[in-house]
Protein backbone atom coordinates (compact mmCIF):
# COMPACT_ATOMS: atom_id res chain seq x y z
CA MET A 1 36.97 -76.07 118.91
CA ARG A 2 35.03 -72.95 117.89
CA PHE A 3 32.10 -73.00 115.48
CA HIS A 4 31.53 -69.77 113.60
CA ALA A 5 27.95 -68.59 113.03
CA GLY A 6 28.60 -68.27 109.28
CA TRP A 7 29.43 -71.96 108.99
CA LEU A 8 26.37 -72.90 110.99
CA ILE A 9 24.12 -70.82 108.74
CA GLY A 10 25.80 -72.31 105.65
CA PHE A 11 25.14 -75.87 106.83
CA PHE A 12 21.55 -74.94 107.66
CA LEU A 13 20.98 -73.56 104.16
CA ILE A 14 22.44 -76.64 102.51
CA GLY A 15 20.13 -78.78 104.61
CA CYS A 16 17.07 -76.72 103.72
CA PHE A 17 17.67 -76.09 100.05
CA GLY A 18 20.40 -78.45 98.92
CA CYS A 19 18.61 -81.76 98.53
CA ASP A 20 15.95 -81.31 95.85
CA SER A 21 16.66 -84.37 93.71
CA ASN A 22 13.69 -83.68 91.41
CA ALA A 23 14.59 -80.02 90.92
CA VAL A 24 14.75 -78.96 87.29
CA TYR A 25 15.54 -75.40 88.30
CA LYS A 26 16.18 -73.51 91.52
CA GLU A 27 17.36 -69.98 92.18
CA ILE A 28 17.14 -67.60 95.11
CA THR A 29 17.63 -63.83 94.87
CA ASP A 30 18.68 -61.64 97.76
CA ILE A 31 16.49 -58.59 98.39
CA GLU A 32 18.64 -55.50 98.79
CA ASP A 33 18.57 -54.19 102.37
CA GLY A 34 15.76 -56.68 103.17
CA ALA A 35 13.17 -54.24 101.78
CA TRP A 36 11.23 -55.55 98.76
CA SER A 37 9.99 -52.71 96.56
CA VAL A 38 6.93 -53.25 94.35
CA ASN A 39 9.08 -52.08 91.43
CA TYR A 40 11.59 -54.91 91.93
CA THR A 41 10.42 -58.01 90.06
CA PRO A 42 12.96 -60.84 90.22
CA SER A 43 12.88 -63.00 87.11
CA TYR A 44 13.86 -66.66 86.80
CA THR A 45 14.50 -68.33 83.43
CA PHE A 46 14.66 -72.10 83.00
CA THR A 47 14.40 -74.77 80.29
CA ILE A 48 11.85 -77.56 80.10
CA GLU A 49 12.73 -80.61 78.01
CA ASP A 50 10.10 -83.14 79.08
CA THR A 51 6.54 -82.02 78.25
CA THR A 52 5.03 -85.40 79.23
CA ALA A 53 5.97 -84.90 82.90
CA THR A 54 4.05 -82.89 85.46
CA TYR A 55 5.79 -80.23 87.51
CA SER A 56 5.43 -78.43 90.82
CA LEU A 57 6.43 -74.83 91.47
CA TYR A 58 7.65 -73.74 94.89
CA TYR A 59 8.43 -70.35 96.35
CA ASN A 60 11.54 -70.10 98.49
CA ILE A 61 11.24 -67.20 100.93
CA ARG A 62 13.54 -66.01 103.70
CA ASN A 63 12.24 -63.50 106.23
CA THR A 64 13.08 -62.36 109.72
CA LEU A 65 10.98 -62.62 112.87
CA SER A 66 10.41 -58.87 112.53
CA TYR A 67 8.39 -59.31 109.32
CA PRO A 68 5.26 -57.27 110.14
CA TYR A 69 2.55 -59.58 108.70
CA TYR A 70 1.53 -63.23 108.99
CA ASN A 71 1.22 -63.59 105.21
CA LEU A 72 2.81 -62.48 101.97
CA TYR A 73 0.99 -61.89 98.69
CA ILE A 74 3.03 -62.46 95.55
CA ARG A 75 1.88 -61.93 91.97
CA ARG A 76 3.42 -64.61 89.74
CA TYR A 77 3.79 -64.28 85.97
CA LEU A 78 4.69 -67.33 83.84
CA LEU A 79 6.01 -66.36 80.39
CA ASP A 80 7.03 -68.38 77.35
CA ALA A 81 10.25 -67.94 75.34
CA ARG A 82 8.78 -64.92 73.51
CA ASN A 83 7.77 -63.23 76.78
CA ARG A 84 4.10 -63.97 76.14
CA PRO A 85 2.10 -64.60 79.31
CA ILE A 86 0.96 -68.18 79.88
CA ASP A 87 -0.36 -67.69 83.40
CA SER A 88 -0.66 -64.97 86.03
CA ARG A 89 -1.77 -65.62 89.60
CA LEU A 90 -1.90 -63.94 92.96
CA ASP A 91 -0.61 -66.33 95.63
CA GLU A 92 -1.00 -65.91 99.38
CA LEU A 93 1.85 -67.39 101.38
CA ILE A 94 1.38 -67.97 105.11
CA LEU A 95 4.63 -67.26 106.97
CA PHE A 96 3.35 -67.15 110.56
CA ASP A 97 0.49 -68.89 112.35
CA ARG A 98 -2.39 -66.42 112.17
CA LYS A 99 -3.55 -66.99 115.77
CA THR A 100 -0.35 -67.60 117.72
CA GLY A 101 2.15 -65.64 115.64
CA LYS A 102 4.47 -68.65 115.70
CA PRO A 103 6.77 -68.57 112.66
CA LEU A 104 6.34 -71.35 110.12
CA GLY A 105 9.13 -72.78 108.00
CA ASP A 106 12.61 -73.71 109.15
CA GLY A 107 14.31 -71.25 111.45
CA LEU A 108 17.66 -70.45 112.92
CA GLY A 109 17.77 -67.50 115.29
CA ASP A 110 15.56 -64.80 113.82
CA LEU A 111 15.78 -66.08 110.20
CA PHE A 112 13.15 -68.34 108.69
CA ASP A 113 13.19 -70.17 105.37
CA HIS A 114 10.01 -71.29 103.67
CA LYS A 115 9.55 -73.65 100.75
CA ILE A 116 5.89 -73.33 99.77
CA LYS A 117 4.25 -75.27 96.95
CA VAL A 118 1.96 -73.06 94.87
CA VAL A 119 1.49 -75.18 91.73
CA SER A 120 1.27 -78.93 91.28
CA GLY A 121 0.41 -81.18 88.36
CA PHE A 122 1.39 -78.54 85.77
CA ARG A 123 2.33 -79.57 82.23
CA PHE A 124 4.33 -77.18 80.12
CA PRO A 125 2.82 -76.94 76.61
CA ARG A 126 6.14 -77.02 74.70
CA ARG A 127 9.80 -77.78 75.17
CA GLY A 128 11.87 -74.68 75.57
CA THR A 129 12.60 -71.70 77.74
CA TYR A 130 10.19 -70.26 80.29
CA SER A 131 10.39 -67.39 82.78
CA VAL A 132 8.71 -66.68 86.08
CA ARG A 133 8.55 -63.11 87.37
CA LEU A 134 7.59 -62.29 90.93
CA ARG A 135 6.19 -59.08 92.40
CA GLN A 136 5.29 -58.48 96.02
CA TYR A 137 1.63 -57.50 96.28
CA MET A 138 1.34 -56.17 99.82
CA ARG A 139 0.07 -52.74 100.78
CA GLN A 140 3.42 -51.66 102.20
CA ASN A 141 6.14 -50.41 99.88
CA PRO A 142 8.89 -51.29 100.38
CA LEU A 143 8.04 -54.46 102.24
CA PRO A 144 10.51 -54.85 105.14
CA GLU A 145 12.21 -57.95 106.53
CA VAL A 146 12.08 -60.09 103.37
CA LEU A 147 15.69 -61.09 102.82
CA SER A 148 15.41 -63.33 99.77
CA VAL A 149 12.91 -64.80 97.36
CA GLY A 150 13.18 -67.50 94.74
CA ILE A 151 11.55 -70.41 92.99
CA SER A 152 12.16 -74.05 92.37
CA VAL A 153 10.59 -76.06 89.57
CA GLU A 154 10.47 -79.78 90.33
CA LYS A 155 9.47 -82.77 88.26
CA GLU A 156 6.77 -84.78 90.01
CA GLY A 157 6.95 -88.52 90.55
């Protein structure tokens, strides 16, 4: 009985990203050629119905072992339904242990997936549609070895 690498990777991804029972929204975008240009700003649009709940926001990042830095800076823009900014932050994500270089996250071969919480206890001011835009904020352009990026919005509690 032969097991193909594609099936193994598929099962791994389902295990890593498939079981978010509190997820209100989740989407992951592939980065073309694994090189994230500063001009490419993936956007994610979702709807919030419950304004009494608190929410967490996670980044979902996939990189290779060849990623040249231990961290990744991402500028995050939260916009309301009229594209007005609600919040803008610069987040530092740690992808490798700074001292040892050991990759963090869940890995298979030379691919590593990270689910990193960057916001918790957030209350959306109104019901409706919101968008999050992401821009890589590193000094290298394009940024190599970042294969995909995404977000998940999860209801807390």
